[in-house]
Amino acid sequence: MNSTGILKRVDEMDNALIPKEIRESLNLNSNDSIEIFIEGDKIILQKYQPGCLFCNNKSNTIIYMGKHICIECLEEMDNT
């Protein structure tokens, strides 16, 4: 894990801001969703990327009838 050297405090409304430099480096834009994980005593933020409805594969997905489905599952559905 790399340290950025940036410190932020949790404000009186229990919020912490993600610095602009970090948002830009992760291509995180306004209204993007993030996932929050806890690993031991660490909080991990990750840009949300929806996975396949069936296998949760996060690569090679398309939106099919409003749902994220990977190419492999779509091909398997077509073969049945």
Protein backbone atom coordinates (compact mmCIF):
# COMPACT_ATOMS: atom_id res chain seq x y z
CA MET A 1 0.00 0.00 0.00
CA ASN A 2 1.43 3.40 -0.98
CA SER A 3 1.23 6.40 1.32
CA THR A 4 0.15 9.63 -0.33
CA GLY A 5 1.35 11.81 2.55
CA ILE A 6 -2.09 13.46 2.62
CA LEU A 7 -3.89 13.62 5.97
CA LYS A 8 -7.60 14.37 6.30
CA ARG A 9 -9.71 14.72 9.41
CA VAL A 10 -13.22 13.42 9.86
CA ASP A 11 -15.36 16.55 10.18
CA GLU A 12 -18.13 17.26 12.69
CA MET A 13 -20.64 15.60 10.33
CA ASP A 14 -18.51 12.38 10.32
CA ASN A 15 -17.38 12.90 6.70
CA ALA A 16 -13.91 12.63 5.20
CA LEU A 17 -13.13 14.09 1.78
CA ILE A 18 -11.15 12.29 -0.90
CA PRO A 19 -8.53 14.75 -2.19
CA LYS A 20 -8.82 15.92 -5.79
CA GLU A 21 -5.39 14.49 -6.70
CA ILE A 22 -6.48 11.00 -5.62
CA ARG A 23 -9.88 11.26 -7.36
CA GLU A 24 -8.14 12.33 -10.58
CA SER A 25 -5.56 9.53 -10.40
CA LEU A 26 -8.37 6.97 -10.04
CA ASN A 27 -10.60 8.65 -12.65
CA LEU A 28 -13.25 9.05 -9.94
CA ASN A 29 -15.84 11.63 -11.00
CA SER A 30 -18.81 13.27 -9.31
CA ASN A 31 -21.72 10.85 -8.97
CA ASP A 32 -19.47 7.77 -9.41
CA SER A 33 -20.11 5.06 -6.84
CA ILE A 34 -17.44 3.60 -4.60
CA GLU A 35 -17.30 0.35 -2.68
CA ILE A 36 -16.08 0.39 0.92
CA PHE A 37 -14.19 -2.57 2.39
CA ILE A 38 -12.66 -3.17 5.81
CA GLU A 39 -9.46 -5.19 6.02
CA GLY A 40 -8.21 -5.47 9.58
CA ASP A 41 -7.76 -1.88 10.74
CA LYS A 42 -7.81 -0.46 7.19
CA ILE A 43 -10.64 1.15 5.25
CA ILE A 44 -10.36 0.46 1.52
CA LEU A 45 -12.25 2.55 -1.03
CA GLN A 46 -12.59 1.23 -4.57
CA LYS A 47 -14.36 2.69 -7.57
CA TYR A 48 -17.46 0.58 -8.09
CA GLN A 49 -17.50 -1.54 -11.21
CA PRO A 50 -20.58 -3.70 -11.64
CA GLY A 51 -20.01 -7.38 -12.32
CA CYS A 52 -21.90 -9.98 -14.28
CA LEU A 53 -25.33 -10.77 -12.87
CA PHE A 54 -24.54 -14.50 -13.00
CA CYS A 55 -20.82 -14.96 -12.26
CA ASN A 56 -19.79 -11.48 -10.96
CA ASN A 57 -17.00 -11.27 -13.57
CA LYS A 58 -16.03 -7.59 -13.78
CA SER A 59 -14.38 -7.73 -17.20
CA ASN A 60 -15.96 -8.03 -20.64
CA THR A 61 -19.43 -7.08 -19.41
CA ILE A 62 -22.16 -5.53 -21.49
CA ILE A 63 -25.58 -4.24 -20.56
CA TYR A 64 -28.15 -6.73 -21.81
CA MET A 65 -31.80 -5.92 -21.15
CA GLY A 66 -30.73 -3.50 -18.41
CA LYS A 67 -28.45 -6.00 -16.62
CA HIS A 68 -24.66 -6.37 -16.63
CA ILE A 69 -23.75 -9.72 -18.18
CA CYS A 70 -20.31 -10.94 -19.24
CA ILE A 71 -19.76 -12.16 -22.77
CA GLU A 72 -19.11 -15.73 -21.56
CA CYS A 73 -22.47 -15.99 -19.73
CA LEU A 74 -24.29 -14.36 -22.63
CA GLU A 75 -22.79 -16.92 -25.04
CA GLU A 76 -23.75 -19.73 -22.67
CA MET A 77 -27.34 -18.42 -22.58
CA ASP A 78 -27.42 -18.30 -26.38
CA ASN A 79 -26.23 -21.95 -26.58
CA THR A 80 -29.04 -23.30 -24.40
